[in-house]
C-alpha cells in the first residue's frame, strides 16, 4: 500500500523570458503545465500505472513569479477513489541565489489511472504511516482552495 510520503515530489523549473506573460511574470499556463507534470508523477508513483489528468479541482494564484526566479513545485497524493487519484499541489517562487522562498500557488488535481487501452483501472488504497504523511493529508483535506 503506497503512502502519502512515498508520493511526495518536488521539482524546480527556472523561469525564463519565454515563460513570461505580457506582464513580465511567469505565465499562468506555464505554471499549470508544471503543476500537471509534477502532479502526474506523484499520481503515477502512487498508482504504479499511467495516470492522466481528469480535472483541475482548484487553482489559486496568490502572487506572481518573476523572470529569473525558480518555480518550486510540490505534489503529493492525499486521497484516492476506485480509479482516481487526488493530488495536492503548491508552488513557490525561489530565489536561485539565496534559496529564499515565497508561496505563490495552491492547487488540487484529480488524475485517473488507465491501462494500455486507455480504460480506467483500479488504484491501491492510500496508506498514512507517519506523522508527516498525516499532516500533509490533513492539510490537503482541510484546504479551502
N, C-alpha and C. Protein backbone atom coordinates (compact mmCIF):
# COMPACT_ATOMS: atom_id res chain seq x y z
N UNK A 1 0.85 -1.17 0.00
CA UNK A 1 0.00 0.00 0.00
C UNK A 1 0.89 1.24 0.00
N UNK A 2 0.88 2.04 -1.08
CA UNK A 2 1.69 3.26 -1.14
C UNK A 2 1.22 4.27 -0.09
N UNK A 3 2.16 5.04 0.43
CA UNK A 3 1.84 6.03 1.46
C UNK A 3 1.91 7.45 0.90
N UNK A 4 1.28 8.36 1.63
CA UNK A 4 1.32 9.78 1.27
C UNK A 4 2.77 10.22 1.08
N UNK A 5 3.61 9.92 2.03
CA UNK A 5 5.01 10.37 2.00
C UNK A 5 5.75 9.83 0.77
N UNK A 6 5.44 8.59 0.37
CA UNK A 6 6.12 8.00 -0.79
C UNK A 6 5.75 8.69 -2.10
N UNK A 7 4.63 9.41 -2.12
CA UNK A 7 4.20 10.09 -3.35
C UNK A 7 4.69 11.53 -3.41
N UNK A 8 5.32 12.00 -2.37
CA UNK A 8 5.74 13.41 -2.26
C UNK A 8 6.88 13.69 -3.24
N UNK A 9 6.66 14.64 -4.14
CA UNK A 9 7.66 15.01 -5.16
C UNK A 9 7.81 16.52 -5.18
N UNK A 10 9.04 16.98 -5.29
CA UNK A 10 9.32 18.40 -5.53
C UNK A 10 10.19 18.50 -6.78
N UNK A 11 9.92 19.52 -7.59
CA UNK A 11 10.73 19.76 -8.77
C UNK A 11 10.89 21.27 -8.95
N UNK A 12 11.96 21.65 -9.59
CA UNK A 12 12.26 23.07 -9.81
C UNK A 12 12.33 23.36 -11.31
N UNK A 13 11.85 24.56 -11.66
CA UNK A 13 11.84 25.00 -13.05
C UNK A 13 12.38 26.43 -13.10
N UNK A 14 13.46 26.68 -13.84
CA UNK A 14 13.95 28.06 -13.97
C UNK A 14 12.98 28.86 -14.84
N UNK A 15 12.62 30.04 -14.38
CA UNK A 15 11.66 30.87 -15.11
C UNK A 15 12.45 31.77 -16.07
N UNK A 16 12.29 31.48 -17.35
CA UNK A 16 12.99 32.19 -18.42
C UNK A 16 12.05 33.19 -19.10
N UNK A 17 12.61 34.13 -19.88
CA UNK A 17 11.74 35.10 -20.57
C UNK A 17 10.67 34.46 -21.46
N UNK A 18 10.97 33.30 -22.06
CA UNK A 18 9.96 32.66 -22.92
C UNK A 18 8.80 32.06 -22.11
N UNK A 19 8.90 32.05 -20.78
CA UNK A 19 7.81 31.58 -19.91
C UNK A 19 6.92 32.74 -19.45
N UNK A 20 7.26 33.96 -19.83
CA UNK A 20 6.58 35.14 -19.28
C UNK A 20 5.33 35.52 -20.07
N UNK A 21 4.43 36.19 -19.36
CA UNK A 21 3.24 36.78 -19.97
C UNK A 21 3.53 38.23 -20.34
N UNK A 22 2.50 38.95 -20.78
CA UNK A 22 2.70 40.35 -21.18
C UNK A 22 2.98 41.26 -19.99
N UNK A 23 2.81 40.74 -18.78
CA UNK A 23 3.11 41.49 -17.58
C UNK A 23 4.56 41.29 -17.13
N UNK A 24 5.29 40.42 -17.83
CA UNK A 24 6.69 40.18 -17.49
C UNK A 24 6.89 39.22 -16.33
N UNK A 25 5.84 38.46 -16.00
CA UNK A 25 5.95 37.43 -14.94
C UNK A 25 5.57 36.08 -15.54
N UNK A 26 5.80 35.03 -14.76
CA UNK A 26 5.50 33.68 -15.24
C UNK A 26 4.05 33.57 -15.71
N UNK A 27 3.86 33.10 -16.91
CA UNK A 27 2.53 32.90 -17.47
C UNK A 27 1.84 31.77 -16.69
N UNK A 28 0.60 32.02 -16.27
CA UNK A 28 -0.14 31.02 -15.50
C UNK A 28 -0.25 29.68 -16.21
N UNK A 29 -0.34 29.70 -17.53
CA UNK A 29 -0.44 28.46 -18.29
C UNK A 29 0.82 27.62 -18.17
N UNK A 30 1.98 28.27 -18.13
CA UNK A 30 3.23 27.52 -17.94
C UNK A 30 3.27 26.89 -16.56
N UNK A 31 2.85 27.65 -15.54
CA UNK A 31 2.84 27.08 -14.19
C UNK A 31 1.84 25.93 -14.11
N UNK A 32 0.67 26.07 -14.75
CA UNK A 32 -0.30 24.97 -14.75
C UNK A 32 0.29 23.72 -15.38
N UNK A 33 1.04 23.89 -16.46
CA UNK A 33 1.69 22.73 -17.11
C UNK A 33 2.64 22.06 -16.13
N UNK A 34 3.43 22.85 -15.41
CA UNK A 34 4.39 22.27 -14.47
C UNK A 34 3.66 21.58 -13.31
N UNK A 35 2.57 22.19 -12.83
CA UNK A 35 1.77 21.56 -11.79
C UNK A 35 1.23 20.22 -12.29
N UNK A 36 0.73 20.21 -13.51
CA UNK A 36 0.18 18.99 -14.10
C UNK A 36 1.25 17.90 -14.23
N UNK A 37 2.44 18.28 -14.68
CA UNK A 37 3.53 17.30 -14.84
C UNK A 37 3.95 16.70 -13.50
N UNK A 38 4.18 17.54 -12.52
CA UNK A 38 4.64 17.05 -11.21
C UNK A 38 3.50 16.29 -10.52
N UNK A 39 2.29 16.78 -10.65
CA UNK A 39 1.13 16.07 -10.09
C UNK A 39 0.96 14.71 -10.73
N UNK A 40 1.16 14.63 -12.03
CA UNK A 40 1.07 13.34 -12.73
C UNK A 40 2.13 12.37 -12.25
N UNK A 41 3.34 12.87 -11.97
CA UNK A 41 4.40 12.00 -11.45
C UNK A 41 4.01 11.43 -10.10
N UNK A 42 3.44 12.26 -9.22
CA UNK A 42 3.01 11.79 -7.90
C UNK A 42 1.90 10.75 -8.04
N UNK A 43 0.95 11.00 -8.94
CA UNK A 43 -0.15 10.07 -9.16
C UNK A 43 0.36 8.73 -9.68
N UNK A 44 1.28 8.77 -10.63
CA UNK A 44 1.82 7.52 -11.18
C UNK A 44 2.66 6.77 -10.17
N UNK A 45 3.40 7.49 -9.34
CA UNK A 45 4.18 6.83 -8.28
C UNK A 45 3.23 6.09 -7.34
N UNK A 46 2.09 6.71 -7.04
CA UNK A 46 1.11 6.07 -6.17
C UNK A 46 0.45 4.87 -6.84
N UNK A 47 -0.07 5.07 -8.05
CA UNK A 47 -0.87 4.05 -8.71
C UNK A 47 -0.03 2.92 -9.31
N UNK A 48 1.22 3.23 -9.65
CA UNK A 48 2.04 2.24 -10.35
C UNK A 48 1.56 2.02 -11.77
N UNK A 49 0.81 2.97 -12.28
CA UNK A 49 0.22 2.89 -13.62
C UNK A 49 0.27 4.27 -14.26
N UNK A 50 0.06 4.32 -15.57
CA UNK A 50 -0.08 5.60 -16.25
C UNK A 50 -1.31 6.31 -15.69
N UNK A 51 -1.17 7.59 -15.41
CA UNK A 51 -2.29 8.40 -14.91
C UNK A 51 -2.45 9.62 -15.81
N UNK A 52 -3.69 9.96 -16.09
CA UNK A 52 -4.00 11.12 -16.92
C UNK A 52 -4.82 12.12 -16.12
N UNK A 53 -4.71 13.37 -16.47
CA UNK A 53 -5.44 14.43 -15.78
C UNK A 53 -6.92 14.33 -16.10
N UNK A 54 -7.73 14.26 -15.07
CA UNK A 54 -9.18 14.22 -15.24
C UNK A 54 -9.80 15.58 -14.95
N UNK A 55 -9.23 16.30 -13.97
CA UNK A 55 -9.86 17.55 -13.55
C UNK A 55 -8.87 18.40 -12.76
N UNK A 56 -8.97 19.70 -12.97
CA UNK A 56 -8.32 20.66 -12.08
C UNK A 56 -9.40 21.04 -11.09
N UNK A 57 -9.26 20.55 -9.86
CA UNK A 57 -10.29 20.77 -8.85
C UNK A 57 -10.27 22.20 -8.32
N UNK A 58 -9.07 22.73 -8.17
CA UNK A 58 -8.92 24.10 -7.69
C UNK A 58 -7.56 24.62 -8.10
N UNK A 59 -7.50 25.93 -8.26
CA UNK A 59 -6.23 26.56 -8.63
C UNK A 59 -6.29 28.01 -8.19
N UNK A 60 -5.40 28.37 -7.29
CA UNK A 60 -5.38 29.72 -6.76
C UNK A 60 -3.99 30.33 -6.92
N UNK A 61 -3.90 31.35 -7.80
CA UNK A 61 -2.65 32.09 -7.96
C UNK A 61 -2.65 33.21 -6.92
N UNK A 62 -1.70 33.16 -6.00
CA UNK A 62 -1.66 34.13 -4.90
C UNK A 62 -0.72 35.29 -5.16
N UNK A 63 0.36 35.04 -5.87
CA UNK A 63 1.31 36.09 -6.20
C UNK A 63 2.14 35.67 -7.40
N UNK A 64 2.73 36.61 -8.11
CA UNK A 64 3.47 36.28 -9.33
C UNK A 64 4.86 35.70 -9.06
N UNK A 65 5.37 35.05 -10.09
CA UNK A 65 6.74 34.54 -10.09
C UNK A 65 7.49 35.35 -11.14
N UNK A 66 8.63 35.89 -10.77
CA UNK A 66 9.39 36.77 -11.65
C UNK A 66 10.33 35.99 -12.57
N UNK A 67 10.63 36.57 -13.72
CA UNK A 67 11.68 36.02 -14.57
C UNK A 67 12.97 36.02 -13.77
N UNK A 68 13.71 34.94 -13.83
CA UNK A 68 14.94 34.80 -13.07
C UNK A 68 14.75 34.03 -11.78
N UNK A 69 13.50 33.96 -11.29
CA UNK A 69 13.21 33.12 -10.13
C UNK A 69 13.19 31.66 -10.56
N UNK A 70 13.17 30.78 -9.59
CA UNK A 70 12.93 29.37 -9.82
C UNK A 70 11.53 29.07 -9.31
N UNK A 71 10.74 28.35 -10.10
CA UNK A 71 9.43 27.88 -9.64
C UNK A 71 9.64 26.52 -8.98
N UNK A 72 9.35 26.43 -7.70
CA UNK A 72 9.46 25.20 -6.94
C UNK A 72 8.05 24.61 -6.82
N UNK A 73 7.84 23.41 -7.35
CA UNK A 73 6.52 22.79 -7.37
C UNK A 73 6.56 21.54 -6.50
N UNK A 74 5.57 21.42 -5.60
CA UNK A 74 5.44 20.27 -4.71
C UNK A 74 4.11 19.58 -4.99
N UNK A 75 4.13 18.24 -5.00
CA UNK A 75 2.92 17.46 -5.21
C UNK A 75 2.95 16.22 -4.33
N UNK A 76 1.76 15.79 -3.89
CA UNK A 76 1.64 14.52 -3.19
C UNK A 76 0.19 14.06 -3.25
N UNK A 77 0.01 12.75 -3.23
CA UNK A 77 -1.33 12.17 -3.21
C UNK A 77 -1.88 12.27 -1.80
N UNK A 78 -3.12 12.77 -1.68
CA UNK A 78 -3.73 12.89 -0.36
C UNK A 78 -5.01 12.07 -0.23
N UNK A 79 -5.52 11.54 -1.35
CA UNK A 79 -6.72 10.73 -1.30
C UNK A 79 -6.83 9.95 -2.60
N UNK A 80 -7.61 8.87 -2.56
CA UNK A 80 -7.80 8.05 -3.76
C UNK A 80 -9.20 7.47 -3.76
N UNK A 81 -9.74 7.31 -4.95
CA UNK A 81 -11.03 6.65 -5.13
C UNK A 81 -10.79 5.27 -5.72
N UNK A 82 -11.74 4.78 -6.49
CA UNK A 82 -11.58 3.46 -7.09
C UNK A 82 -10.55 3.48 -8.22
N UNK A 83 -10.64 4.50 -9.11
CA UNK A 83 -9.67 4.65 -10.21
C UNK A 83 -9.02 6.02 -10.19
N UNK A 84 -9.46 6.89 -9.29
CA UNK A 84 -8.97 8.27 -9.27
C UNK A 84 -7.95 8.50 -8.18
N UNK A 85 -7.11 9.48 -8.44
CA UNK A 85 -6.02 9.85 -7.54
C UNK A 85 -6.10 11.36 -7.34
N UNK A 86 -6.20 11.81 -6.09
CA UNK A 86 -6.32 13.23 -5.77
C UNK A 86 -4.96 13.74 -5.29
N UNK A 87 -4.46 14.76 -5.96
CA UNK A 87 -3.11 15.27 -5.71
C UNK A 87 -3.18 16.72 -5.26
N UNK A 88 -2.54 17.01 -4.13
CA UNK A 88 -2.39 18.38 -3.65
C UNK A 88 -1.12 18.96 -4.27
N UNK A 89 -1.20 20.21 -4.67
CA UNK A 89 -0.06 20.88 -5.29
C UNK A 89 0.12 22.27 -4.70
N UNK A 90 1.38 22.65 -4.56
CA UNK A 90 1.72 24.02 -4.17
C UNK A 90 2.94 24.44 -4.97
N UNK A 91 3.06 25.73 -5.17
CA UNK A 91 4.24 26.27 -5.84
C UNK A 91 4.76 27.47 -5.08
N UNK A 92 6.06 27.67 -5.16
CA UNK A 92 6.75 28.80 -4.54
C UNK A 92 7.64 29.45 -5.57
N UNK A 93 7.87 30.71 -5.39
CA UNK A 93 8.96 31.36 -6.13
C UNK A 93 10.18 31.24 -5.24
N UNK A 94 11.28 30.88 -5.84
CA UNK A 94 12.51 30.67 -5.09
C UNK A 94 13.61 31.51 -5.70
N UNK A 95 14.34 32.23 -4.86
CA UNK A 95 15.49 32.98 -5.31
C UNK A 95 16.62 31.98 -5.52
N UNK A 96 17.12 31.84 -6.77
CA UNK A 96 18.13 30.82 -7.03
C UNK A 96 19.47 31.09 -6.34
N UNK A 97 19.71 32.34 -5.93
CA UNK A 97 20.98 32.68 -5.27
C UNK A 97 20.95 32.43 -3.77
N UNK A 98 19.77 32.67 -3.15
CA UNK A 98 19.70 32.58 -1.69
C UNK A 98 18.88 31.39 -1.20
N UNK A 99 18.02 30.84 -2.07
CA UNK A 99 17.13 29.76 -1.65
C UNK A 99 15.89 30.26 -0.94
N UNK A 100 15.76 31.57 -0.76
CA UNK A 100 14.58 32.14 -0.09
C UNK A 100 13.34 31.83 -0.92
N UNK A 101 12.25 31.42 -0.25
CA UNK A 101 11.03 31.06 -0.97
C UNK A 101 9.83 31.87 -0.48
N UNK A 102 8.82 31.96 -1.35
CA UNK A 102 7.54 32.59 -1.02
C UNK A 102 6.46 31.81 -1.77
N UNK A 103 5.44 31.33 -1.05
CA UNK A 103 4.38 30.55 -1.68
C UNK A 103 3.61 31.42 -2.65
N UNK A 104 3.33 30.86 -3.84
CA UNK A 104 2.64 31.60 -4.88
C UNK A 104 1.33 30.96 -5.31
N UNK A 105 1.20 29.65 -5.13
CA UNK A 105 0.08 28.94 -5.73
C UNK A 105 -0.34 27.75 -4.89
N UNK A 106 -1.66 27.50 -4.81
CA UNK A 106 -2.20 26.27 -4.22
C UNK A 106 -3.16 25.67 -5.21
N UNK A 107 -3.15 24.34 -5.30
CA UNK A 107 -3.99 23.69 -6.28
C UNK A 107 -4.29 22.25 -5.89
N UNK A 108 -5.27 21.68 -6.55
CA UNK A 108 -5.62 20.28 -6.38
C UNK A 108 -6.08 19.76 -7.73
N UNK A 109 -5.50 18.63 -8.16
CA UNK A 109 -5.86 17.99 -9.43
C UNK A 109 -6.34 16.58 -9.15
N UNK A 110 -7.20 16.07 -10.03
CA UNK A 110 -7.60 14.67 -10.00
C UNK A 110 -7.07 13.98 -11.25
N UNK A 111 -6.43 12.84 -11.04
CA UNK A 111 -5.91 12.02 -12.13
C UNK A 111 -6.64 10.69 -12.12
N UNK A 112 -6.67 10.01 -13.25
CA UNK A 112 -7.26 8.68 -13.35
C UNK A 112 -6.21 7.73 -13.89
N UNK A 113 -6.09 6.56 -13.25
CA UNK A 113 -5.17 5.52 -13.71
C UNK A 113 -5.81 4.82 -14.91
N UNK A 114 -5.00 4.57 -15.95
CA UNK A 114 -5.52 3.91 -17.15
C UNK A 114 -4.63 2.74 -17.56
N UNK A 115 -5.24 1.80 -18.30
CA UNK A 115 -4.49 0.67 -18.83
C UNK A 115 -3.95 1.03 -20.22
N UNK A 116 -3.36 0.07 -20.90
CA UNK A 116 -2.77 0.32 -22.22
C UNK A 116 -3.79 0.73 -23.28
N UNK A 117 -5.05 0.41 -23.05
CA UNK A 117 -6.11 0.77 -24.00
C UNK A 117 -6.79 2.09 -23.63
N UNK A 118 -6.34 2.72 -22.53
CA UNK A 118 -6.91 3.99 -22.10
C UNK A 118 -8.13 3.86 -21.22
N UNK A 119 -8.44 2.65 -20.78
CA UNK A 119 -9.59 2.43 -19.91
C UNK A 119 -9.18 2.61 -18.45
N UNK A 120 -10.05 3.21 -17.63
CA UNK A 120 -9.73 3.37 -16.20
C UNK A 120 -9.51 2.02 -15.52
N UNK A 121 -8.54 2.00 -14.61
CA UNK A 121 -8.24 0.79 -13.84
C UNK A 121 -8.12 1.15 -12.36
N UNK A 122 -8.37 0.17 -11.49
CA UNK A 122 -8.32 0.44 -10.04
C UNK A 122 -6.94 0.87 -9.55
N UNK A 123 -6.96 1.69 -8.51
CA UNK A 123 -5.72 2.13 -7.85
C UNK A 123 -5.70 1.52 -6.44
N UNK A 124 -4.53 1.44 -5.82
CA UNK A 124 -4.46 0.88 -4.47
C UNK A 124 -5.04 1.83 -3.43
N UNK A 125 -5.18 1.33 -2.22
CA UNK A 125 -5.56 2.19 -1.11
C UNK A 125 -4.37 3.05 -0.72
N UNK A 126 -4.65 4.21 -0.17
CA UNK A 126 -3.59 5.12 0.27
C UNK A 126 -3.30 4.88 1.74
N UNK A 127 -2.04 4.66 2.04
CA UNK A 127 -1.63 4.49 3.42
C UNK A 127 -1.09 5.79 4.00
N UNK A 128 -1.25 5.93 5.31
CA UNK A 128 -0.70 7.09 6.03
C UNK A 128 0.05 6.50 7.22
N UNK A 129 1.37 6.41 7.11
CA UNK A 129 2.15 5.70 8.13
C UNK A 129 2.99 6.58 9.03
N UNK A 130 3.12 7.87 8.70
CA UNK A 130 3.96 8.74 9.51
C UNK A 130 3.17 9.98 9.92
N UNK A 131 3.65 10.65 10.94
CA UNK A 131 3.03 11.91 11.35
C UNK A 131 3.09 12.94 10.22
N UNK A 132 4.22 12.97 9.51
CA UNK A 132 4.36 13.92 8.40
C UNK A 132 3.33 13.62 7.32
N UNK A 133 3.14 12.35 6.98
CA UNK A 133 2.15 11.97 5.99
C UNK A 133 0.75 12.36 6.42
N UNK A 134 0.43 12.15 7.68
CA UNK A 134 -0.88 12.52 8.20
C UNK A 134 -1.08 14.03 8.17
N UNK A 135 -0.04 14.79 8.48
CA UNK A 135 -0.13 16.25 8.44
C UNK A 135 -0.35 16.73 7.00
N UNK A 136 0.37 16.14 6.04
CA UNK A 136 0.19 16.52 4.64
C UNK A 136 -1.24 16.21 4.19
N UNK A 137 -1.72 15.04 4.53
CA UNK A 137 -3.07 14.63 4.13
C UNK A 137 -4.12 15.55 4.77
N UNK A 138 -3.99 15.80 6.06
CA UNK A 138 -4.95 16.68 6.74
C UNK A 138 -4.94 18.09 6.17
N UNK A 139 -3.74 18.60 5.84
CA UNK A 139 -3.64 19.93 5.25
C UNK A 139 -4.39 20.00 3.92
N UNK A 140 -4.23 18.96 3.09
CA UNK A 140 -4.91 18.96 1.79
C UNK A 140 -6.42 18.81 1.95
N UNK A 141 -6.86 17.94 2.85
CA UNK A 141 -8.30 17.74 3.04
C UNK A 141 -8.97 18.99 3.62
N UNK A 142 -8.23 19.75 4.41
CA UNK A 142 -8.78 20.95 5.05
C UNK A 142 -8.67 22.21 4.17
N UNK A 143 -7.90 22.12 3.08
CA UNK A 143 -7.65 23.30 2.25
C UNK A 143 -8.94 23.84 1.67
N UNK A 144 -9.04 25.14 1.68
CA UNK A 144 -10.17 25.83 1.09
C UNK A 144 -9.65 26.58 -0.12
N UNK A 145 -9.50 25.86 -1.22
CA UNK A 145 -8.93 26.44 -2.44
C UNK A 145 -9.91 27.41 -3.00
